[in-house]
Amino acid sequence: VQLVESGGGLVQPGGSLTLSCAASGFTFSNWNMKWYRQAPGKERELVAIISSSGGHVNYADSVKGRFTISRDNANNTMWLQMNSLKPEDTAVYYCKTPRYPNYWGQGTQVTVSS
């Protein structure tokens, strides 16, 4: 299995970023997928989840209305569109599959700061 997150960076408050997750080594289309984040000194937090077909999504209250999760099963890719970013969104973001519950990729750093 391999999950490779990308797209992070430094952005000003109110800005936008789109994170990508490239998956390989398992049947991507069979599994729901999740985005997590971990801020310095804090517990890892579930941010968003998308069903295997992409038809059902759910978000943490802290990002609802600002973040959008989506996926492309033909290309084994998932995204997290993040709008109206706040300093408290600063964290390392990870994509995750329940197919391999102990596997974590390297993550991608998102820093929201002026």
Protein backbone atom coordinates (compact mmCIF):
# COMPACT_ATOMS: atom_id res chain seq x y z
CA VAL A 1 0.00 0.00 0.00
CA GLN A 2 1.06 3.57 -0.63
CA LEU A 3 -0.76 6.82 0.09
CA VAL A 4 1.03 9.96 -1.06
CA GLU A 5 -0.33 13.30 0.10
CA SER A 6 0.60 16.52 -1.67
CA GLY A 7 -0.55 20.08 -2.18
CA GLY A 8 0.19 21.59 1.21
CA GLY A 9 1.94 24.88 1.74
CA LEU A 10 1.83 28.28 3.34
CA VAL A 11 -1.34 30.28 2.79
CA GLN A 12 -2.79 33.45 4.30
CA PRO A 13 -5.96 33.35 6.39
CA GLY A 14 -8.97 33.29 4.11
CA GLY A 15 -7.04 31.57 1.37
CA SER A 16 -7.52 28.21 -0.31
CA LEU A 17 -5.56 25.04 -0.93
CA THR A 18 -6.35 21.72 -2.55
CA LEU A 19 -4.70 18.60 -1.16
CA SER A 20 -4.29 15.44 -3.19
CA CYS A 21 -3.91 11.81 -2.15
CA ALA A 22 -2.56 9.30 -4.65
CA ALA A 23 -3.33 5.72 -3.65
CA SER A 24 -1.82 2.47 -4.82
CA GLY A 25 -1.45 -1.13 -3.71
CA PHE A 26 -5.10 -1.84 -2.96
CA THR A 27 -8.49 -1.67 -4.67
CA PHE A 28 -9.15 2.00 -4.06
CA SER A 29 -12.73 1.94 -5.32
CA ASN A 30 -13.77 -0.65 -2.72
CA TRP A 31 -13.03 1.47 0.32
CA ASN A 32 -14.15 4.64 1.93
CA MET A 33 -11.36 7.14 2.43
CA LYS A 34 -10.62 9.71 5.08
CA TRP A 35 -8.60 12.86 5.66
CA TYR A 36 -7.06 13.38 9.07
CA ARG A 37 -4.95 16.20 10.43
CA GLN A 38 -2.61 16.65 13.34
CA ALA A 39 -1.64 20.02 14.72
CA PRO A 40 1.45 20.48 16.89
CA GLY A 41 0.80 19.23 20.40
CA LYS A 42 -2.69 17.98 19.55
CA GLU A 43 -4.36 14.65 18.90
CA ARG A 44 -4.89 13.49 15.36
CA GLU A 45 -8.34 14.63 14.19
CA LEU A 46 -10.68 13.16 11.58
CA VAL A 47 -11.49 15.92 9.11
CA ALA A 48 -13.59 14.31 6.40
CA ILE A 49 -14.75 10.95 5.11
CA ILE A 50 -16.01 9.87 1.69
CA SER A 51 -17.76 6.64 0.79
CA SER A 52 -16.28 4.20 -1.71
CA SER A 53 -18.51 5.51 -4.51
CA GLY A 54 -18.12 9.13 -3.50
CA GLY A 55 -21.84 9.45 -2.97
CA HIS A 56 -21.69 10.07 0.75
CA VAL A 57 -19.46 12.50 2.58
CA ASN A 58 -19.18 13.77 6.12
CA TYR A 59 -17.12 16.47 7.80
CA ALA A 60 -15.89 17.51 11.20
CA ASP A 61 -17.90 20.44 12.53
CA SER A 62 -14.75 22.55 12.51
CA VAL A 63 -14.46 22.39 8.70
CA LYS A 64 -18.08 21.96 7.59
CA GLY A 65 -18.99 24.46 4.91
CA ARG A 66 -15.34 25.27 4.15
CA PHE A 67 -13.79 21.95 3.07
CA THR A 68 -14.91 19.60 0.31
CA ILE A 69 -13.76 15.99 -0.04
CA SER A 70 -13.92 14.24 -3.40
CA ARG A 71 -12.43 11.26 -5.23
CA ASP A 72 -11.75 9.81 -8.66
CA ASN A 73 -11.86 6.02 -8.56
CA ALA A 74 -10.62 5.70 -12.13
CA ASN A 75 -7.36 7.37 -11.14
CA ASN A 76 -7.10 6.23 -7.51
CA THR A 77 -7.03 9.80 -6.28
CA MET A 78 -8.74 11.75 -3.54
CA TRP A 79 -8.78 15.49 -2.88
CA LEU A 80 -9.54 17.89 -0.10
CA GLN A 81 -10.52 21.36 -1.27
CA MET A 82 -9.97 23.79 1.60
CA ASN A 83 -11.46 27.29 1.46
CA SER A 84 -11.65 30.15 3.95
CA LEU A 85 -8.63 28.76 5.75
CA LYS A 86 -8.01 29.77 9.35
CA PRO A 87 -4.83 29.67 11.44
CA GLU A 88 -6.36 26.81 13.43
CA ASP A 89 -6.36 24.71 10.24
CA THR A 90 -2.56 24.59 10.46
CA ALA A 91 -1.59 20.93 10.69
CA VAL A 92 -0.09 17.99 8.86
CA TYR A 93 -2.84 16.43 6.75
CA TYR A 94 -3.00 12.70 6.06
CA CYS A 95 -5.18 10.52 3.88
CA LYS A 96 -6.19 7.16 5.25
CA THR A 97 -7.80 3.93 4.19
CA PRO A 98 -9.44 1.48 6.59
CA ARG A 99 -8.08 -1.30 4.35
CA TYR A 100 -4.74 -0.78 6.12
CA PRO A 101 -5.60 0.72 9.50
CA ASN A 102 -2.01 0.90 10.74
CA TYR A 103 -0.60 2.59 7.66
CA TRP A 104 0.01 6.34 7.61
CA GLY A 105 1.64 8.20 4.76
CA GLN A 106 4.11 11.04 5.22
CA GLY A 107 1.39 13.70 5.22
CA THR A 108 1.48 17.20 3.80
CA GLN A 109 2.03 20.33 5.88
CA VAL A 110 -0.57 23.10 5.74
CA THR A 111 0.35 26.36 7.41
CA VAL A 112 -2.17 29.20 7.61
CA SER A 113 -0.48 32.39 8.66
CA SER A 114 -0.19 36.03 7.70
